[in-house]
């Protein structure tokens, strides 16, 4: 016991303060790293819940388009682009589709 007391008394004050300040800096770095890990974990969990919500309720997050049968509004030409049409309207060739 006396040996430890003698060793502690022989340590200069400057060395003791330097060691304490080094430990304080290490503790501060560890707390900052811990805070960053907690924030990243929370953001990861939020992202996971959002992802699962999109998978669980796909109808709520998709956009539905209605299709009408009215020819005036649709502007669809039945012959254009049909592979069995008699005429290709893009360049005017006859029977450009597949063989019947």
Protein backbone atom coordinates (compact mmCIF):
# COMPACT_ATOMS: atom_id res chain seq x y z
CA UNK A 1 0.00 0.00 0.00
CA UNK A 2 2.82 2.35 0.79
CA UNK A 3 4.36 1.74 -2.62
CA UNK A 4 1.23 2.94 -4.43
CA UNK A 5 1.00 6.01 -2.28
CA UNK A 6 4.61 6.84 -2.96
CA UNK A 7 4.12 6.33 -6.74
CA UNK A 8 1.07 8.62 -6.78
CA UNK A 9 2.93 11.32 -4.92
CA UNK A 10 5.77 11.19 -7.44
CA UNK A 11 3.53 11.92 -10.46
CA UNK A 12 3.88 15.55 -11.48
CA UNK A 13 0.74 17.70 -11.56
CA UNK A 14 1.21 18.54 -15.28
CA UNK A 15 1.20 14.85 -16.23
CA UNK A 16 -1.91 14.26 -14.14
CA UNK A 17 -3.77 17.18 -15.79
CA UNK A 18 -2.67 16.06 -19.27
CA UNK A 19 -3.98 12.56 -18.64
CA UNK A 20 -7.31 13.88 -17.36
CA UNK A 21 -7.76 16.19 -20.34
CA UNK A 22 -6.97 13.32 -22.72
CA UNK A 23 -9.60 11.15 -21.01
CA UNK A 24 -12.15 13.98 -21.19
CA UNK A 25 -11.54 14.37 -24.94
CA UNK A 26 -11.95 10.62 -25.39
CA UNK A 27 -15.21 10.66 -23.44
CA UNK A 28 -16.51 13.58 -25.50
CA UNK A 29 -15.69 11.74 -28.75
CA UNK A 30 -17.45 8.63 -27.50
CA UNK A 31 -20.57 10.65 -26.60
CA UNK A 32 -20.60 12.27 -30.05
CA UNK A 33 -20.23 8.87 -31.71
CA UNK A 34 -23.04 7.49 -29.55
CA UNK A 35 -25.32 10.42 -30.46
CA UNK A 36 -24.61 9.94 -34.17
CA UNK A 37 -25.36 6.20 -33.89
CA UNK A 38 -28.67 6.90 -32.15
CA UNK A 39 -29.71 9.43 -34.83
CA UNK A 40 -28.75 7.04 -37.64
CA UNK A 41 -30.67 4.22 -35.96
CA UNK A 42 -33.80 6.37 -35.63
CA UNK A 43 -33.59 7.50 -39.27
CA UNK A 44 -33.12 3.88 -40.36
CA UNK A 45 -36.22 2.79 -38.42
CA UNK A 46 -38.29 5.65 -39.87
CA UNK A 47 -37.18 4.74 -43.39
CA UNK A 48 -38.07 1.08 -42.74
CA UNK A 49 -41.56 1.98 -41.48
CA UNK A 50 -42.18 4.19 -44.54
CA UNK A 51 -41.02 1.38 -46.83
CA UNK A 52 -43.25 -1.16 -45.11
CA UNK A 53 -46.20 1.25 -45.30
CA UNK A 54 -45.78 1.46 -49.08
CA UNK A 55 -45.71 -2.33 -49.34
CA UNK A 56 -48.66 -2.89 -46.98
CA UNK A 57 -50.97 -0.34 -48.67
CA UNK A 58 -50.04 -0.10 -52.36
CA UNK A 59 -53.47 1.24 -53.36
CA UNK A 60 -53.08 4.26 -51.12
CA UNK A 61 -49.77 5.30 -52.70
CA UNK A 62 -50.54 4.64 -56.37
CA UNK A 63 -52.21 6.95 -58.81
CA UNK A 64 -55.21 5.53 -60.66
CA UNK A 65 -56.07 6.67 -64.15
CA UNK A 66 -59.52 6.22 -65.61
CA UNK A 67 -59.97 5.02 -69.17
CA UNK A 68 -63.03 6.12 -71.11
CA UNK A 69 -64.59 4.43 -74.12
CA UNK A 70 -65.56 7.71 -75.73
CA UNK A 71 -63.72 7.94 -79.06
CA UNK A 72 -63.89 11.72 -79.22
CA UNK A 73 -61.89 12.17 -76.02
CA UNK A 74 -59.38 9.38 -76.44
CA UNK A 75 -58.04 10.32 -79.88
CA UNK A 76 -57.07 6.71 -80.53
CA UNK A 77 -56.84 5.56 -84.13
CA UNK A 78 -57.60 1.85 -84.44
CA UNK A 79 -55.59 1.35 -87.62
CA UNK A 80 -52.44 3.17 -86.62
CA UNK A 81 -49.75 0.88 -85.32
CA UNK A 82 -51.82 -2.27 -85.79
CA UNK A 83 -49.60 -5.08 -87.02
CA UNK A 84 -52.38 -6.44 -89.27
CA UNK A 85 -53.44 -3.13 -90.82
CA UNK A 86 -53.50 -2.76 -94.62
CA UNK A 87 -51.60 0.48 -94.62
CA UNK A 88 -48.76 1.85 -92.53
CA UNK A 89 -49.72 5.48 -91.96
CA UNK A 90 -46.24 6.57 -90.98
CA UNK A 91 -44.69 6.17 -94.44
CA UNK A 92 -47.71 5.22 -96.60
CA UNK A 93 -46.64 1.68 -97.51
CA UNK A 94 -49.26 -0.97 -98.11
CA UNK A 95 -49.50 -4.17 -96.04
CA UNK A 96 -46.50 -3.47 -93.86
CA UNK A 97 -47.73 -5.71 -91.05
CA UNK A 98 -47.21 -9.43 -90.48
CA UNK A 99 -48.53 -11.98 -92.90
CA UNK A 100 -52.05 -13.16 -92.21
